[in-house]
Amino acid sequence: MADDLMTMLRETVEDYRVIRKRHGYLHVSVPRERVMEVIVTAKSRCGKNVLQLISAVDRIERDIFQLTWILESTEDASIFMVSADYPREGCKVPTLKDMWPSAVFFERELREMFGIEFPGNPRQDEDFLLEGWEGIPPMRRDFDTLEYSMKTYGERRKREHVDPRRLIAEHTGEWDTPVPSRKEKS
């Protein structure tokens, strides 16, 4: 498995980096200009016939999204992961809908959660999980969760801490650990 993929990589793209290689598992990083060629070749020549997932990581400190396509072979259950870096702003990635119809759903989710566009995806503009969501996509690292929560739900009421030992002792009258009474605590 890995030998076929390594040969394919050497023939297809010169500038690749092995991230991790184990029995039945290979993860590589390739330039974004060549990632689709690598994925197509992995399917056609190396038997990677299942698209398990497309994931994204927001590497805000480098101003990029790292996209990873996880491919599997049903023949030997081997995994091939291909990663590529894309600019965060105006991020557009070619769709894989013609090779794997399931890609439509992965791409819709990434568009909704990160704002990554997949031109050619026929359902790209439909809501996927976040019906009616407006504003910055929530999985981007510059999304302010506290600001969103305050705007949406308001101030959270204060919680009063109750020692579970005291609660049990008050209700059952039993507890073998000394619990200060309410009178002693003042």
C-alpha atoms as a PDB file:
ATOM      1  CA  MET A   1       0.000   0.000   0.000  1.00  0.00           C
ATOM      2  CA  ALA A   2       2.511   2.604   1.130  1.00  0.00           C
ATOM      3  CA  ASP A   3       5.003   1.616  -1.577  1.00  0.00           C
ATOM      4  CA  ASP A   4       2.406   2.154  -4.333  1.00  0.00           C
ATOM      5  CA  LEU A   5       1.486   5.523  -2.854  1.00  0.00           C
ATOM      6  CA  MET A   6       5.109   6.591  -2.412  1.00  0.00           C
ATOM      7  CA  THR A   7       5.849   5.674  -6.046  1.00  0.00           C
ATOM      8  CA  MET A   8       2.751   7.572  -7.172  1.00  0.00           C
ATOM      9  CA  LEU A   9       3.795  10.615  -5.133  1.00  0.00           C
ATOM     10  CA  ARG A  10       7.322  10.634  -6.574  1.00  0.00           C
ATOM     11  CA  GLU A  11       5.868  10.432 -10.103  1.00  0.00           C
ATOM     12  CA  THR A  12       3.040  12.941  -9.536  1.00  0.00           C
ATOM     13  CA  VAL A  13       4.474  15.650  -7.309  1.00  0.00           C
ATOM     14  CA  GLU A  14       8.054  16.379  -6.354  1.00  0.00           C
ATOM     15  CA  ASP A  15       7.379  18.673  -3.435  1.00  0.00           C
ATOM     16  CA  TYR A  16       5.626  16.492  -0.842  1.00  0.00           C
ATOM     17  CA  ARG A  17       6.352  15.868   2.801  1.00  0.00           C
ATOM     18  CA  VAL A  18       5.602  12.688   4.723  1.00  0.00           C
ATOM     19  CA  ILE A  19       3.902  13.585   7.999  1.00  0.00           C
ATOM     20  CA  ARG A  20       3.418  10.047   9.280  1.00  0.00           C
ATOM     21  CA  LYS A  21       3.907   6.596   7.813  1.00  0.00           C
ATOM     22  CA  ARG A  22       2.879   3.346   9.465  1.00  0.00           C
ATOM     23  CA  HIS A  23       1.641  -0.014   8.310  1.00  0.00           C
ATOM     24  CA  GLY A  24      -1.582   0.650   6.403  1.00  0.00           C
ATOM     25  CA  TYR A  25      -1.413   4.403   6.985  1.00  0.00           C
ATOM     26  CA  LEU A  26       0.261   7.263   5.151  1.00  0.00           C
ATOM     27  CA  HIS A  27      -0.231  10.992   5.739  1.00  0.00           C
ATOM     28  CA  VAL A  28       1.438  13.474   3.397  1.00  0.00           C
ATOM     29  CA  SER A  29       1.380  17.203   2.796  1.00  0.00           C
ATOM     30  CA  VAL A  30       1.438  18.469  -0.795  1.00  0.00           C
ATOM     31  CA  PRO A  31       1.246  21.906  -2.415  1.00  0.00           C
ATOM     32  CA  ARG A  32      -2.365  23.003  -2.918  1.00  0.00           C
ATOM     33  CA  GLU A  33      -1.809  23.342  -6.662  1.00  0.00           C
ATOM     34  CA  ARG A  34      -1.203  19.581  -6.858  1.00  0.00           C
ATOM     35  CA  VAL A  35      -3.559  18.185  -4.207  1.00  0.00           C
ATOM     36  CA  MET A  36      -6.421  17.319  -6.583  1.00  0.00           C
ATOM     37  CA  GLU A  37      -4.036  15.523  -8.932  1.00  0.00           C
ATOM     38  CA  VAL A  38      -2.705  13.468  -6.024  1.00  0.00           C
ATOM     39  CA  ILE A  39      -6.233  12.591  -4.832  1.00  0.00           C
ATOM     40  CA  VAL A  40      -7.422  11.601  -8.323  1.00  0.00           C
ATOM     41  CA  THR A  41      -4.317   9.478  -8.885  1.00  0.00           C
ATOM     42  CA  ALA A  42      -4.640   7.832  -5.455  1.00  0.00           C
ATOM     43  CA  LYS A  43      -8.166   6.766  -6.390  1.00  0.00           C
ATOM     44  CA  SER A  44      -7.451   5.623  -9.938  1.00  0.00           C
ATOM     45  CA  ARG A  45      -4.026   3.979  -9.488  1.00  0.00           C
ATOM     46  CA  CYS A  46      -3.827   3.048  -5.823  1.00  0.00           C
ATOM     47  CA  GLY A  47      -7.365   1.896  -5.057  1.00  0.00           C
ATOM     48  CA  LYS A  48      -8.308   4.598  -2.559  1.00  0.00           C
ATOM     49  CA  ASN A  49     -11.978   4.324  -3.404  1.00  0.00           C
ATOM     50  CA  VAL A  50     -13.630   5.750  -0.266  1.00  0.00           C
ATOM     51  CA  LEU A  51     -13.594   9.388   0.821  1.00  0.00           C
ATOM     52  CA  GLN A  52     -13.962   9.110   4.587  1.00  0.00           C
ATOM     53  CA  LEU A  53     -13.753  12.781   5.481  1.00  0.00           C
ATOM     54  CA  ILE A  54     -12.543  16.226   4.531  1.00  0.00           C
ATOM     55  CA  SER A  55     -11.376  18.186   7.543  1.00  0.00           C
ATOM     56  CA  ALA A  56     -10.040  21.687   8.108  1.00  0.00           C
ATOM     57  CA  VAL A  57      -7.846  23.251  10.768  1.00  0.00           C
ATOM     58  CA  ASP A  58      -7.688  27.025  11.135  1.00  0.00           C
ATOM     59  CA  ARG A  59      -3.995  27.882  11.495  1.00  0.00           C
ATOM     60  CA  ILE A  60      -4.699  31.533  12.209  1.00  0.00           C
ATOM     61  CA  GLU A  61      -1.119  32.273  13.273  1.00  0.00           C
ATOM     62  CA  ARG A  62       0.043  31.324   9.735  1.00  0.00           C
ATOM     63  CA  ASP A  63      -3.070  32.812   8.050  1.00  0.00           C
ATOM     64  CA  ILE A  64      -3.971  29.483   6.427  1.00  0.00           C
ATOM     65  CA  PHE A  65      -6.499  26.663   6.545  1.00  0.00           C
ATOM     66  CA  GLN A  66      -4.994  23.199   6.519  1.00  0.00           C
ATOM     67  CA  LEU A  67      -7.380  20.915   4.638  1.00  0.00           C
ATOM     68  CA  THR A  68      -7.015  17.152   4.885  1.00  0.00           C
ATOM     69  CA  TRP A  69      -8.707  14.545   2.722  1.00  0.00           C
ATOM     70  CA  ILE A  70      -8.908  11.081   4.286  1.00  0.00           C
ATOM     71  CA  LEU A  71      -9.106   8.285   1.722  1.00  0.00           C
ATOM     72  CA  GLU A  72      -9.470   4.569   2.340  1.00  0.00           C
ATOM     73  CA  SER A  73      -9.144   1.404   0.312  1.00  0.00           C
ATOM     74  CA  THR A  74     -11.948  -1.124   0.777  1.00  0.00           C
ATOM     75  CA  GLU A  75      -9.553  -3.785  -0.478  1.00  0.00           C
ATOM     76  CA  ASP A  76      -7.021  -3.612   2.330  1.00  0.00           C
ATOM     77  CA  ALA A  77      -8.528  -0.994   4.716  1.00  0.00           C
ATOM     78  CA  SER A  78      -5.428   1.176   4.312  1.00  0.00           C
ATOM     79  CA  ILE A  79      -5.696   4.924   4.924  1.00  0.00           C
ATOM     80  CA  PHE A  80      -4.157   7.718   2.871  1.00  0.00           C
ATOM     81  CA  MET A  81      -4.381  11.265   4.198  1.00  0.00           C
ATOM     82  CA  VAL A  82      -3.494  14.206   1.980  1.00  0.00           C
ATOM     83  CA  SER A  83      -3.103  17.675   3.482  1.00  0.00           C
ATOM     84  CA  ALA A  84      -2.656  21.037   1.776  1.00  0.00           C
ATOM     85  CA  ASP A  85      -2.544  24.635   2.990  1.00  0.00           C
ATOM     86  CA  TYR A  86      -4.916  27.284   1.625  1.00  0.00           C
ATOM     87  CA  PRO A  87      -5.096  31.012   2.429  1.00  0.00           C
ATOM     88  CA  ARG A  88      -7.772  31.857   5.018  1.00  0.00           C
ATOM     89  CA  GLU A  89      -9.206  34.850   3.178  1.00  0.00           C
ATOM     90  CA  GLY A  90     -11.201  34.056   0.067  1.00  0.00           C
ATOM     91  CA  CYS A  91     -10.419  30.352   0.420  1.00  0.00           C
ATOM     92  CA  LYS A  92     -11.612  28.380  -2.610  1.00  0.00           C
ATOM     93  CA  VAL A  93     -10.982  24.665  -3.056  1.00  0.00           C
ATOM     94  CA  PRO A  94     -12.012  22.502  -6.032  1.00  0.00           C
ATOM     95  CA  THR A  95     -14.950  20.192  -5.351  1.00  0.00           C
ATOM     96  CA  LEU A  96     -14.696  16.400  -5.432  1.00  0.00           C
ATOM     97  CA  LYS A  97     -18.427  15.886  -6.038  1.00  0.00           C
ATOM     98  CA  ASP A  98     -17.887  14.143  -9.385  1.00  0.00           C
ATOM     99  CA  MET A  99     -15.522  11.546  -7.866  1.00  0.00           C
ATOM    100  CA  TRP A 100     -17.355  11.030  -4.581  1.00  0.00           C
ATOM    101  CA  PRO A 101     -20.962  12.229  -4.205  1.00  0.00           C
ATOM    102  CA  SER A 102     -20.464  12.227  -0.412  1.00  0.00           C
ATOM    103  CA  ALA A 103     -17.980  15.088  -0.860  1.00  0.00           C
ATOM    104  CA  VAL A 104     -20.962  17.437  -1.306  1.00  0.00           C
ATOM    105  CA  PHE A 105     -21.854  17.054   2.376  1.00  0.00           C
ATOM    106  CA  PHE A 106     -18.300  17.388   3.702  1.00  0.00           C
ATOM    107  CA  GLU A 107     -17.790  20.500   1.574  1.00  0.00           C
ATOM    108  CA  ARG A 108     -21.085  22.057   2.696  1.00  0.00           C
ATOM    109  CA  GLU A 109     -20.093  21.571   6.313  1.00  0.00           C
ATOM    110  CA  LEU A 110     -16.676  23.180   5.779  1.00  0.00           C
ATOM    111  CA  ARG A 111     -18.277  26.112   4.000  1.00  0.00           C
ATOM    112  CA  GLU A 112     -20.703  26.670   6.836  1.00  0.00           C
ATOM    113  CA  MET A 113     -18.224  26.169   9.682  1.00  0.00           C
ATOM    114  CA  PHE A 114     -15.100  27.814   8.200  1.00  0.00           C
ATOM    115  CA  GLY A 115     -16.297  29.854   5.198  1.00  0.00           C
ATOM    116  CA  ILE A 116     -14.291  27.728   2.726  1.00  0.00           C
ATOM    117  CA  GLU A 117     -15.893  27.787  -0.722  1.00  0.00           C
ATOM    118  CA  PHE A 118     -16.061  24.820  -3.086  1.00  0.00           C
ATOM    119  CA  PRO A 119     -16.989  26.206  -6.524  1.00  0.00           C
ATOM    120  CA  GLY A 120     -19.022  23.643  -8.436  1.00  0.00           C
ATOM    121  CA  ASN A 121     -20.662  22.142  -5.369  1.00  0.00           C
ATOM    122  CA  PRO A 122     -24.353  22.342  -6.324  1.00  0.00           C
ATOM    123  CA  ARG A 123     -25.607  22.686  -2.743  1.00  0.00           C
ATOM    124  CA  GLN A 124     -22.899  24.975  -1.413  1.00  0.00           C
ATOM    125  CA  ASP A 125     -25.243  27.840  -0.552  1.00  0.00           C
ATOM    126  CA  GLU A 126     -27.822  25.738   1.316  1.00  0.00           C
ATOM    127  CA  ASP A 127     -27.831  25.703   5.105  1.00  0.00           C
ATOM    128  CA  PHE A 128     -26.317  22.497   6.434  1.00  0.00           C
ATOM    129  CA  LEU A 129     -26.372  22.611  10.233  1.00  0.00           C
ATOM    130  CA  LEU A 130     -26.665  26.267  11.188  1.00  0.00           C
ATOM    131  CA  GLU A 131     -29.994  27.374   9.793  1.00  0.00           C
ATOM    132  CA  GLY A 132     -30.036  31.109   9.176  1.00  0.00           C
ATOM    133  CA  TRP A 133     -26.504  31.671  10.508  1.00  0.00           C
ATOM    134  CA  GLU A 134     -25.087  35.103   9.765  1.00  0.00           C
ATOM    135  CA  GLY A 135     -21.682  36.481  10.507  1.00  0.00           C
ATOM    136  CA  ILE A 136     -18.287  34.902  10.893  1.00  0.00           C
ATOM    137  CA  PRO A 137     -18.338  31.087  10.646  1.00  0.00           C
ATOM    138  CA  PRO A 138     -18.194  29.576  14.140  1.00  0.00           C
ATOM    139  CA  MET A 139     -15.212  27.227  13.702  1.00  0.00           C
ATOM    140  CA  ARG A 140     -12.834  29.976  12.655  1.00  0.00           C
ATOM    141  CA  ARG A 141     -10.469  30.816  15.454  1.00  0.00           C
ATOM    142  CA  ASP A 142     -11.276  34.527  15.227  1.00  0.00           C
ATOM    143  CA  PHE A 143     -14.923  33.780  16.082  1.00  0.00           C
ATOM    144  CA  ASP A 144     -15.574  35.220  19.562  1.00  0.00           C
ATOM    145  CA  THR A 145     -17.641  32.620  21.432  1.00  0.00           C
ATOM    146  CA  LEU A 146     -18.076  34.814  24.518  1.00  0.00           C
ATOM    147  CA  GLU A 147     -19.354  37.747  22.477  1.00  0.00           C
ATOM    148  CA  TYR A 148     -21.748  35.467  20.597  1.00  0.00           C
ATOM    149  CA  SER A 149     -23.040  33.892  23.822  1.00  0.00           C
ATOM    150  CA  MET A 150     -23.571  37.257  25.497  1.00  0.00           C
ATOM    151  CA  LYS A 151     -25.403  38.636  22.448  1.00  0.00           C
ATOM    152  CA  THR A 152     -27.518  35.528  21.976  1.00  0.00           C
ATOM    153  CA  TYR A 153     -28.225  34.398  25.538  1.00  0.00           C
ATOM    154  CA  GLY A 154     -27.349  37.357  27.761  1.00  0.00           C
ATOM    155  CA  GLU A 155     -25.699  37.312  31.172  1.00  0.00           C
ATOM    156  CA  ARG A 156     -25.612  33.939  32.832  1.00  0.00           C
ATOM    157  CA  ARG A 157     -27.061  33.804  36.325  1.00  0.00           C
ATOM    158  CA  LYS A 158     -24.589  33.088  39.101  1.00  0.00           C
ATOM    159  CA  ARG A 159     -24.385  29.551  40.385  1.00  0.00           C
ATOM    160  CA  GLU A 160     -24.375  28.791  44.058  1.00  0.00           C
ATOM    161  CA  HIS A 161     -21.950  26.072  45.023  1.00  0.00           C
ATOM    162  CA  VAL A 162     -23.359  23.394  47.276  1.00  0.00           C
ATOM    163  CA  ASP A 163     -21.078  20.871  48.910  1.00  0.00           C
ATOM    164  CA  PRO A 164     -22.573  17.483  47.985  1.00  0.00           C
ATOM    165  CA  ARG A 165     -21.621  16.093  51.411  1.00  0.00           C
ATOM    166  CA  ARG A 166     -23.698  18.783  53.112  1.00  0.00           C
ATOM    167  CA  LEU A 167     -26.634  18.172  50.790  1.00  0.00           C
ATOM    168  CA  ILE A 168     -26.592  14.427  51.530  1.00  0.00           C
ATOM    169  CA  ALA A 169     -26.146  14.980  55.255  1.00  0.00           C
ATOM    170  CA  GLU A 170     -29.069  17.440  55.384  1.00  0.00           C
ATOM    171  CA  HIS A 171     -31.388  15.119  53.487  1.00  0.00           C
ATOM    172  CA  THR A 172     -30.421  11.749  54.949  1.00  0.00           C
ATOM    173  CA  GLY A 173     -28.841  12.691  58.222  1.00  0.00           C
ATOM    174  CA  GLU A 174     -25.947  10.391  57.368  1.00  0.00           C
ATOM    175  CA  TRP A 175     -22.456  11.051  56.172  1.00  0.00           C
ATOM    176  CA  ASP A 176     -19.243   9.767  57.673  1.00  0.00           C
ATOM    177  CA  THR A 177     -17.147  12.777  56.683  1.00  0.00           C
ATOM    178  CA  PRO A 178     -17.389  15.724  59.033  1.00  0.00           C
ATOM    179  CA  VAL A 179     -19.477  18.420  57.390  1.00  0.00           C
ATOM    180  CA  PRO A 180     -19.534  21.887  58.905  1.00  0.00           C
ATOM    181  CA  SER A 181     -23.041  22.883  59.789  1.00  0.00           C
ATOM    182  CA  ARG A 182     -24.517  26.085  58.395  1.00  0.00           C
ATOM    183  CA  LYS A 183     -24.347  27.666  61.846  1.00  0.00           C
ATOM    184  CA  GLU A 184     -20.613  26.941  62.218  1.00  0.00           C
ATOM    185  CA  LYS A 185     -19.793  28.347  58.795  1.00  0.00           C
ATOM    186  CA  SER A 186     -20.859  31.936  59.542  1.00  0.00           C
END
